[in-house]
Full PDB file with SEQRES, HELIX, SHEET, SSBOND, CRYST1, ORIGX, SCALE, CONECT and MASTER records, all heavy atoms in Angstrom:
SEQRES   1 A   30  VAL PRO ASP LYS VAL TRP GLN TRP LYS GLU GLY ASN GLY          
SEQRES   2 A   30  GLY LYS PHE SER ASN ILE ASN ARG PRO SER SER GLY PRO          
SEQRES   3 A   30  ARG PHE GLU GLN                                              
HELIX    1 AA1 GLY A   14  PHE A   16  5                                   3    
CRYST1    1.000    1.000    1.000  90.00  90.00  90.00 P 1           1          
ORIGX1      1.000000  0.000000  0.000000        0.00000                         
ORIGX2      0.000000  1.000000  0.000000        0.00000                         
ORIGX3      0.000000  0.000000  1.000000        0.00000                         
SCALE1      1.000000  0.000000  0.000000        0.00000                         
SCALE2      0.000000  1.000000  0.000000        0.00000                         
SCALE3      0.000000  0.000000  1.000000        0.00000                         
ATOM      1  N   VAL A   1     -17.424   5.310   5.940  1.00  0.00           N  
ATOM      2  CA  VAL A   1     -17.137   5.250   7.384  1.00  0.00           C  
ATOM      3  C   VAL A   1     -15.888   4.407   7.539  1.00  0.00           C  
ATOM      4  O   VAL A   1     -15.859   3.220   7.121  1.00  0.00           O  
ATOM      5  CB  VAL A   1     -18.311   4.627   8.158  1.00  0.00           C  
ATOM      6  CG1 VAL A   1     -17.943   4.520   9.652  1.00  0.00           C  
ATOM      7  CG2 VAL A   1     -19.564   5.486   8.001  1.00  0.00           C  
ATOM      8  N   PRO A   2     -14.792   4.928   8.097  1.00  0.00           N  
ATOM      9  CA  PRO A   2     -13.554   4.138   8.258  1.00  0.00           C  
ATOM     10  C   PRO A   2     -13.778   2.883   9.072  1.00  0.00           C  
ATOM     11  O   PRO A   2     -14.564   2.875  10.027  1.00  0.00           O  
ATOM     12  CB  PRO A   2     -12.607   5.102   8.969  1.00  0.00           C  
ATOM     13  CG  PRO A   2     -13.188   6.453   8.695  1.00  0.00           C  
ATOM     14  CD  PRO A   2     -14.656   6.286   8.619  1.00  0.00           C  
ATOM     15  N   ASP A   3     -13.109   1.837   8.677  1.00  0.00           N  
ATOM     16  CA  ASP A   3     -13.112   0.599   9.484  1.00  0.00           C  
ATOM     17  C   ASP A   3     -12.456   0.854  10.839  1.00  0.00           C  
ATOM     18  O   ASP A   3     -11.686   1.827  10.976  1.00  0.00           O  
ATOM     19  CB  ASP A   3     -12.341  -0.513   8.777  1.00  0.00           C  
ATOM     20  CG  ASP A   3     -13.016  -0.942   7.479  1.00  0.00           C  
ATOM     21  OD1 ASP A   3     -14.246  -0.773   7.360  1.00  0.00           O  
ATOM     22  OD2 ASP A   3     -12.310  -1.440   6.587  1.00  0.00           O  
ATOM     23  N   LYS A   4     -12.747   0.021  11.790  1.00  0.00           N  
ATOM     24  CA  LYS A   4     -12.092   0.181  13.105  1.00  0.00           C  
ATOM     25  C   LYS A   4     -10.578  -0.020  12.990  1.00  0.00           C  
ATOM     26  O   LYS A   4      -9.789   0.646  13.701  1.00  0.00           O  
ATOM     27  CB  LYS A   4     -12.683  -0.807  14.094  1.00  0.00           C  
ATOM     28  CG  LYS A   4     -14.100  -0.482  14.522  1.00  0.00           C  
ATOM     29  CD  LYS A   4     -14.597  -1.440  15.605  1.00  0.00           C  
ATOM     30  CE  LYS A   4     -15.994  -1.034  16.071  1.00  0.00           C  
ATOM     31  NZ  LYS A   4     -16.491  -1.934  17.154  1.00  0.00           N  
ATOM     32  N   VAL A   5     -10.171  -0.921  12.108  1.00  0.00           N  
ATOM     33  CA  VAL A   5      -8.742  -1.150  11.848  1.00  0.00           C  
ATOM     34  C   VAL A   5      -8.547  -1.106  10.351  1.00  0.00           C  
ATOM     35  O   VAL A   5      -9.087  -1.930   9.605  1.00  0.00           O  
ATOM     36  CB  VAL A   5      -8.280  -2.521  12.395  1.00  0.00           C  
ATOM     37  CG1 VAL A   5      -6.794  -2.738  12.072  1.00  0.00           C  
ATOM     38  CG2 VAL A   5      -8.516  -2.588  13.907  1.00  0.00           C  
ATOM     39  N   TRP A   6      -7.726  -0.140   9.895  1.00  0.00           N  
ATOM     40  CA  TRP A   6      -7.491   0.005   8.459  1.00  0.00           C  
ATOM     41  C   TRP A   6      -6.659  -1.142   7.938  1.00  0.00           C  
ATOM     42  O   TRP A   6      -5.711  -1.608   8.598  1.00  0.00           O  
ATOM     43  CB  TRP A   6      -6.765   1.329   8.200  1.00  0.00           C  
ATOM     44  CG  TRP A   6      -6.535   1.609   6.724  1.00  0.00           C  
ATOM     45  CD1 TRP A   6      -7.377   2.249   5.874  1.00  0.00           C  
ATOM     46  CD2 TRP A   6      -5.354   1.269   5.980  1.00  0.00           C  
ATOM     47  NE1 TRP A   6      -6.834   2.315   4.621  1.00  0.00           N  
ATOM     48  CE2 TRP A   6      -5.591   1.736   4.643  1.00  0.00           C  
ATOM     49  CE3 TRP A   6      -4.185   0.621   6.267  1.00  0.00           C  
ATOM     50  CZ2 TRP A   6      -4.633   1.572   3.627  1.00  0.00           C  
ATOM     51  CZ3 TRP A   6      -3.221   0.463   5.270  1.00  0.00           C  
ATOM     52  CH2 TRP A   6      -3.474   0.923   3.961  1.00  0.00           C  
ATOM     53  N   GLN A   7      -6.985  -1.616   6.729  1.00  0.00           N  
ATOM     54  CA  GLN A   7      -6.195  -2.639   6.069  1.00  0.00           C  
ATOM     55  C   GLN A   7      -5.929  -2.221   4.645  1.00  0.00           C  
ATOM     56  O   GLN A   7      -6.836  -1.689   3.948  1.00  0.00           O  
ATOM     57  CB  GLN A   7      -6.933  -3.984   6.106  1.00  0.00           C  
ATOM     58  CG  GLN A   7      -7.094  -4.569   7.508  1.00  0.00           C  
ATOM     59  CD  GLN A   7      -7.571  -5.995   7.474  1.00  0.00           C  
ATOM     60  OE1 GLN A   7      -7.303  -6.717   6.527  1.00  0.00           O  
ATOM     61  NE2 GLN A   7      -8.274  -6.389   8.505  1.00  0.00           N  
ATOM     62  N   TRP A   8      -4.696  -2.469   4.204  1.00  0.00           N  
ATOM     63  CA  TRP A   8      -4.341  -2.145   2.843  1.00  0.00           C  
ATOM     64  C   TRP A   8      -5.007  -3.080   1.867  1.00  0.00           C  
ATOM     65  O   TRP A   8      -5.100  -4.301   2.099  1.00  0.00           O  
ATOM     66  CB  TRP A   8      -2.824  -2.230   2.665  1.00  0.00           C  
ATOM     67  CG  TRP A   8      -2.369  -1.979   1.257  1.00  0.00           C  
ATOM     68  CD1 TRP A   8      -2.259  -0.786   0.640  1.00  0.00           C  
ATOM     69  CD2 TRP A   8      -2.004  -2.978   0.281  1.00  0.00           C  
ATOM     70  NE1 TRP A   8      -1.824  -0.956  -0.663  1.00  0.00           N  
ATOM     71  CE2 TRP A   8      -1.670  -2.296  -0.889  1.00  0.00           C  
ATOM     72  CE3 TRP A   8      -1.934  -4.373   0.332  1.00  0.00           C  
ATOM     73  CZ2 TRP A   8      -1.254  -2.939  -2.050  1.00  0.00           C  
ATOM     74  CZ3 TRP A   8      -1.535  -5.044  -0.815  1.00  0.00           C  
ATOM     75  CH2 TRP A   8      -1.211  -4.332  -1.998  1.00  0.00           C  
ATOM     76  N   LYS A   9      -5.493  -2.515   0.760  1.00  0.00           N  
ATOM     77  CA  LYS A   9      -6.110  -3.286  -0.308  1.00  0.00           C  
ATOM     78  C   LYS A   9      -5.418  -2.898  -1.589  1.00  0.00           C  
ATOM     79  O   LYS A   9      -5.158  -1.737  -1.851  1.00  0.00           O  
ATOM     80  CB  LYS A   9      -7.614  -3.033  -0.387  1.00  0.00           C  
ATOM     81  CG  LYS A   9      -8.374  -3.430   0.866  1.00  0.00           C  
ATOM     82  CD  LYS A   9      -9.835  -3.054   0.751  1.00  0.00           C  
ATOM     83  CE  LYS A   9     -10.597  -3.379   2.045  1.00  0.00           C  
ATOM     84  NZ  LYS A   9     -12.017  -2.958   1.952  1.00  0.00           N  
ATOM     85  N   GLU A  10      -5.178  -3.875  -2.437  1.00  0.00           N  
ATOM     86  CA  GLU A  10      -4.536  -3.598  -3.737  1.00  0.00           C  
ATOM     87  C   GLU A  10      -5.360  -2.620  -4.514  1.00  0.00           C  
ATOM     88  O   GLU A  10      -6.586  -2.739  -4.627  1.00  0.00           O  
ATOM     89  CB  GLU A  10      -4.374  -4.903  -4.509  1.00  0.00           C  
ATOM     90  CG  GLU A  10      -3.496  -4.736  -5.734  1.00  0.00           C  
ATOM     91  CD  GLU A  10      -3.175  -6.067  -6.405  1.00  0.00           C  
ATOM     92  OE1 GLU A  10      -3.550  -7.140  -5.850  1.00  0.00           O  
ATOM     93  OE2 GLU A  10      -2.529  -6.024  -7.458  1.00  0.00           O  
ATOM     94  N   GLY A  11      -4.687  -1.597  -5.029  1.00  0.00           N  
ATOM     95  CA  GLY A  11      -5.371  -0.528  -5.765  1.00  0.00           C  
ATOM     96  C   GLY A  11      -5.520   0.735  -4.962  1.00  0.00           C  
ATOM     97  O   GLY A  11      -5.869   1.784  -5.517  1.00  0.00           O  
ATOM     98  N   ASN A  12      -5.246   0.704  -3.661  1.00  0.00           N  
ATOM     99  CA  ASN A  12      -5.297   1.916  -2.858  1.00  0.00           C  
ATOM    100  C   ASN A  12      -4.230   2.881  -3.363  1.00  0.00           C  
ATOM    101  O   ASN A  12      -3.111   2.483  -3.680  1.00  0.00           O  
ATOM    102  CB  ASN A  12      -5.002   1.606  -1.371  1.00  0.00           C  
ATOM    103  CG  ASN A  12      -6.210   1.038  -0.665  1.00  0.00           C  
ATOM    104  OD1 ASN A  12      -7.261   0.860  -1.277  1.00  0.00           O  
ATOM    105  ND2 ASN A  12      -6.039   0.704   0.590  1.00  0.00           N  
ATOM    106  N   GLY A  13      -4.541   4.175  -3.394  1.00  0.00           N  
ATOM    107  CA  GLY A  13      -3.529   5.177  -3.751  1.00  0.00           C  
ATOM    108  C   GLY A  13      -3.701   5.847  -5.097  1.00  0.00           C  
ATOM    109  O   GLY A  13      -2.895   6.685  -5.454  1.00  0.00           O  
ATOM    110  N   GLY A  14      -4.727   5.501  -5.864  1.00  0.00           N  
ATOM    111  CA  GLY A  14      -4.967   6.179  -7.128  1.00  0.00           C  
ATOM    112  C   GLY A  14      -3.779   6.012  -8.091  1.00  0.00           C  
ATOM    113  O   GLY A  14      -3.336   4.915  -8.370  1.00  0.00           O  
ATOM    114  N   LYS A  15      -3.254   7.128  -8.576  1.00  0.00           N  
ATOM    115  CA  LYS A  15      -2.179   7.110  -9.547  1.00  0.00           C  
ATOM    116  C   LYS A  15      -0.931   6.361  -9.035  1.00  0.00           C  
ATOM    117  O   LYS A  15      -0.170   5.793  -9.818  1.00  0.00           O  
ATOM    118  CB  LYS A  15      -1.797   8.552  -9.938  1.00  0.00           C  
ATOM    119  CG  LYS A  15      -0.700   8.671 -10.960  1.00  0.00           C  
ATOM    120  CD  LYS A  15      -0.442  10.112 -11.341  1.00  0.00           C  
ATOM    121  CE  LYS A  15       0.661  10.222 -12.378  1.00  0.00           C  
ATOM    122  NZ  LYS A  15       0.911  11.615 -12.803  1.00  0.00           N  
ATOM    123  N   PHE A  16      -0.751   6.337  -7.735  1.00  0.00           N  
ATOM    124  CA  PHE A  16       0.434   5.747  -7.143  1.00  0.00           C  
ATOM    125  C   PHE A  16       0.167   4.381  -6.531  1.00  0.00           C  
ATOM    126  O   PHE A  16       0.969   3.884  -5.774  1.00  0.00           O  
ATOM    127  CB  PHE A  16       1.008   6.702  -6.078  1.00  0.00           C  
ATOM    128  CG  PHE A  16       1.224   8.099  -6.612  1.00  0.00           C  
ATOM    129  CD1 PHE A  16       0.304   9.074  -6.354  1.00  0.00           C  
ATOM    130  CD2 PHE A  16       2.333   8.397  -7.344  1.00  0.00           C  
ATOM    131  CE1 PHE A  16       0.482  10.372  -6.835  1.00  0.00           C  
ATOM    132  CE2 PHE A  16       2.551   9.670  -7.845  1.00  0.00           C  
ATOM    133  CZ  PHE A  16       1.623  10.674  -7.604  1.00  0.00           C  
ATOM    134  N   SER A  17      -0.935   3.766  -6.910  1.00  0.00           N  
ATOM    135  CA  SER A  17      -1.321   2.481  -6.307  1.00  0.00           C  
ATOM    136  C   SER A  17      -0.358   1.362  -6.633  1.00  0.00           C  
ATOM    137  O   SER A  17      -0.240   0.380  -5.891  1.00  0.00           O  
ATOM    138  CB  SER A  17      -2.739   2.087  -6.702  1.00  0.00           C  
ATOM    139  OG  SER A  17      -2.834   1.931  -8.109  1.00  0.00           O  
ATOM    140  N   ASN A  18       0.368   1.488  -7.742  1.00  0.00           N  
ATOM    141  CA  ASN A  18       1.265   0.407  -8.137  1.00  0.00           C  
ATOM    142  C   ASN A  18       2.552   0.398  -7.306  1.00  0.00           C  
ATOM    143  O   ASN A  18       3.309  -0.598  -7.338  1.00  0.00           O  
ATOM    144  CB  ASN A  18       1.621   0.511  -9.623  1.00  0.00           C  
ATOM    145  CG  ASN A  18       2.422   1.760  -9.938  1.00  0.00           C  
ATOM    146  OD1 ASN A  18       2.122   2.815  -9.439  1.00  0.00           O  
ATOM    147  ND2 ASN A  18       3.415   1.628 -10.816  1.00  0.00           N  
ATOM    148  N   ILE A  19       2.828   1.492  -6.572  1.00  0.00           N  
ATOM    149  CA  ILE A  19       4.080   1.539  -5.803  1.00  0.00           C  
ATOM    150  C   ILE A  19       3.838   1.735  -4.309  1.00  0.00           C  
ATOM    151  O   ILE A  19       4.655   1.354  -3.474  1.00  0.00           O  
ATOM    152  CB  ILE A  19       5.030   2.637  -6.291  1.00  0.00           C  
ATOM    153  CG1 ILE A  19       4.351   4.004  -6.290  1.00  0.00           C  
ATOM    154  CG2 ILE A  19       5.564   2.282  -7.678  1.00  0.00           C  
ATOM    155  CD1 ILE A  19       5.269   5.138  -6.596  1.00  0.00           C  
ATOM    156  N   ASN A  20       2.725   2.350  -3.917  1.00  0.00           N  
ATOM    157  CA  ASN A  20       2.482   2.642  -2.501  1.00  0.00           C  
ATOM    158  C   ASN A  20       2.115   1.367  -1.712  1.00  0.00           C  
ATOM    159  O   ASN A  20       1.264   0.595  -2.146  1.00  0.00           O  
ATOM    160  CB  ASN A  20       1.380   3.684  -2.326  1.00  0.00           C  
ATOM    161  CG  ASN A  20       1.848   5.075  -2.664  1.00  0.00           C  
ATOM    162  OD1 ASN A  20       3.053   5.306  -2.796  1.00  0.00           O  
ATOM    163  ND2 ASN A  20       0.926   6.007  -2.766  1.00  0.00           N  
ATOM    164  N   ARG A  21       2.798   1.202  -0.610  1.00  0.00           N  
ATOM    165  CA  ARG A  21       2.493   0.113   0.330  1.00  0.00           C  
ATOM    166  C   ARG A  21       2.636   0.652   1.746  1.00  0.00           C  
ATOM    167  O   ARG A  21       3.378   1.620   1.977  1.00  0.00           O  
ATOM    168  CB  ARG A  21       3.499  -1.051   0.155  1.00  0.00           C  
ATOM    169  CG  ARG A  21       3.510  -1.682  -1.240  1.00  0.00           C  
ATOM    170  CD  ARG A  21       2.290  -2.565  -1.497  1.00  0.00           C  
ATOM    171  NE  ARG A  21       2.397  -3.262  -2.764  1.00  0.00           N  
ATOM    172  CZ  ARG A  21       2.125  -2.759  -3.944  1.00  0.00           C  
ATOM    173  NH1 ARG A  21       1.730  -1.489  -4.049  1.00  0.00           N  
ATOM    174  NH2 ARG A  21       2.229  -3.491  -5.051  1.00  0.00           N  
ATOM    175  N   PRO A  22       1.998   0.021   2.707  1.00  0.00           N  
ATOM    176  CA  PRO A  22       2.122   0.489   4.103  1.00  0.00           C  
ATOM    177  C   PRO A  22       3.326  -0.152   4.818  1.00  0.00           C  
ATOM    178  O   PRO A  22       3.366  -0.256   6.049  1.00  0.00           O  
ATOM    179  CB  PRO A  22       0.820   0.003   4.734  1.00  0.00           C  
ATOM    180  CG  PRO A  22       0.480  -1.234   4.011  1.00  0.00           C  
ATOM    181  CD  PRO A  22       0.957  -1.047   2.593  1.00  0.00           C  
ATOM    182  N   SER A  23       4.334  -0.608   4.031  1.00  0.00           N  
ATOM    183  CA  SER A  23       5.498  -1.217   4.631  1.00  0.00           C  
ATOM    184  C   SER A  23       6.749  -0.681   3.948  1.00  0.00           C  
ATOM    185  O   SER A  23       6.704  -0.182   2.829  1.00  0.00           O  
ATOM    186  CB  SER A  23       5.441  -2.744   4.468  1.00  0.00           C  
ATOM    187  OG  SER A  23       5.336  -3.094   3.094  1.00  0.00           O  
ATOM    188  N   SER A  24       7.889  -0.816   4.659  1.00  0.00           N  
ATOM    189  CA  SER A  24       9.143  -0.296   4.135  1.00  0.00           C  
ATOM    190  C   SER A  24      10.070  -1.463   3.785  1.00  0.00           C  
ATOM    191  O   SER A  24       9.732  -2.623   3.960  1.00  0.00           O  
ATOM    192  CB  SER A  24       9.811   0.610   5.156  1.00  0.00           C  
ATOM    193  OG  SER A  24      10.128  -0.138   6.358  1.00  0.00           O  
ATOM    194  N   GLY A  25      11.259  -1.081   3.286  1.00  0.00           N  
ATOM    195  CA  GLY A  25      12.255  -2.089   2.972  1.00  0.00           C  
ATOM    196  C   GLY A  25      12.338  -2.435   1.498  1.00  0.00           C  
ATOM    197  O   GLY A  25      11.458  -2.043   0.705  1.00  0.00           O  
ATOM    198  N   PRO A  26      13.380  -3.173   1.106  1.00  0.00           N  
ATOM    199  CA  PRO A  26      13.586  -3.507  -0.307  1.00  0.00           C  
ATOM    200  C   PRO A  26      12.557  -4.514  -0.810  1.00  0.00           C  
ATOM    201  O   PRO A  26      12.112  -5.379  -0.064  1.00  0.00           O  
ATOM    202  CB  PRO A  26      15.005  -4.094  -0.329  1.00  0.00           C  
ATOM    203  CG  PRO A  26      15.217  -4.619   1.038  1.00  0.00           C  
ATOM    204  CD  PRO A  26      14.487  -3.681   1.949  1.00  0.00           C  
ATOM    205  N   ARG A  27      12.224  -4.375  -2.086  1.00  0.00           N  
ATOM    206  CA  ARG A  27      11.302  -5.308  -2.724  1.00  0.00           C  
ATOM    207  C   ARG A  27      11.986  -6.189  -3.756  1.00  0.00           C  
ATOM    208  O   ARG A  27      11.404  -7.165  -4.217  1.00  0.00           O  
ATOM    209  CB  ARG A  27      10.142  -4.538  -3.387  1.00  0.00           C  
ATOM    210  CG  ARG A  27       9.311  -3.742  -2.396  1.00  0.00           C  
ATOM    211  CD  ARG A  27       8.201  -2.976  -3.085  1.00  0.00           C  
ATOM    212  NE  ARG A  27       7.547  -2.051  -2.155  1.00  0.00           N  
ATOM    213  CZ  ARG A  27       6.689  -1.097  -2.540  1.00  0.00           C  
ATOM    214  NH1 ARG A  27       6.346  -0.975  -3.807  1.00  0.00           N  
ATOM    215  NH2 ARG A  27       6.157  -0.281  -1.636  1.00  0.00           N  
ATOM    216  N   PHE A  28      13.203  -5.788  -4.112  1.00  0.00           N  
ATOM    217  CA  PHE A  28      13.967  -6.615  -5.066  1.00  0.00           C  
ATOM    218  C   PHE A  28      15.444  -6.290  -4.898  1.00  0.00           C  
ATOM    219  O   PHE A  28      15.826  -5.232  -4.378  1.00  0.00           O  
ATOM    220  CB  PHE A  28      13.516  -6.384  -6.522  1.00  0.00           C  
ATOM    221  CG  PHE A  28      13.636  -4.952  -6.959  1.00  0.00           C  
ATOM    222  CD1 PHE A  28      14.768  -4.507  -7.675  1.00  0.00           C  
ATOM    223  CD2 PHE A  28      12.620  -4.026  -6.717  1.00  0.00           C  
ATOM    224  CE1 PHE A  28      14.872  -3.197  -8.095  1.00  0.00           C  
ATOM    225  CE2 PHE A  28      12.714  -2.708  -7.153  1.00  0.00           C  
ATOM    226  CZ  PHE A  28      13.835  -2.283  -7.844  1.00  0.00           C  
ATOM    227  N   GLU A  29      16.306  -7.215  -5.329  1.00  0.00           N  
ATOM    228  CA  GLU A  29      17.726  -7.058  -5.220  1.00  0.00           C  
ATOM    229  C   GLU A  29      18.286  -6.348  -6.449  1.00  0.00           C  
ATOM    230  O   GLU A  29      18.086  -6.814  -7.584  1.00  0.00           O  
ATOM    231  CB  GLU A  29      18.418  -8.426  -5.071  1.00  0.00           C  
ATOM    232  CG  GLU A  29      18.096  -9.130  -3.749  1.00  0.00           C  
ATOM    233  CD  GLU A  29      18.671  -8.393  -2.558  1.00  0.00           C  
ATOM    234  OE1 GLU A  29      19.806  -7.861  -2.684  1.00  0.00           O  
ATOM    235  OE2 GLU A  29      17.983  -8.343  -1.506  1.00  0.00           O  
ATOM    236  N   GLN A  30      18.941  -5.248  -6.242  1.00  0.00           N  
ATOM    237  CA  GLN A  30      19.621  -4.535  -7.319  1.00  0.00           C  
ATOM    238  C   GLN A  30      20.562  -3.493  -6.740  1.00  0.00           C  
ATOM    239  O   GLN A  30      20.098  -2.604  -6.025  1.00  0.00           O  
ATOM    240  CB  GLN A  30      18.608  -3.856  -8.263  1.00  0.00           C  
ATOM    241  CG  GLN A  30      19.265  -3.138  -9.431  1.00  0.00           C  
ATOM    242  CD  GLN A  30      18.209  -2.568 -10.375  1.00  0.00           C  
ATOM    243  OE1 GLN A  30      17.329  -3.284 -10.844  1.00  0.00           O  
ATOM    244  NE2 GLN A  30      18.323  -1.287 -10.655  1.00  0.00           N  
TER     245      GLN A  30                                                      
MASTER        0    0    0    1    0    0    0    6  244    1    0    3          
END                                                                             
């Protein structure tokens, strides 16, 4: 049953959990 307000938890996303986040923008300078 979905929570009333969804929150991201580390490991969400299966195969892509190491890169998927609910936010945009750079994560490192290069």
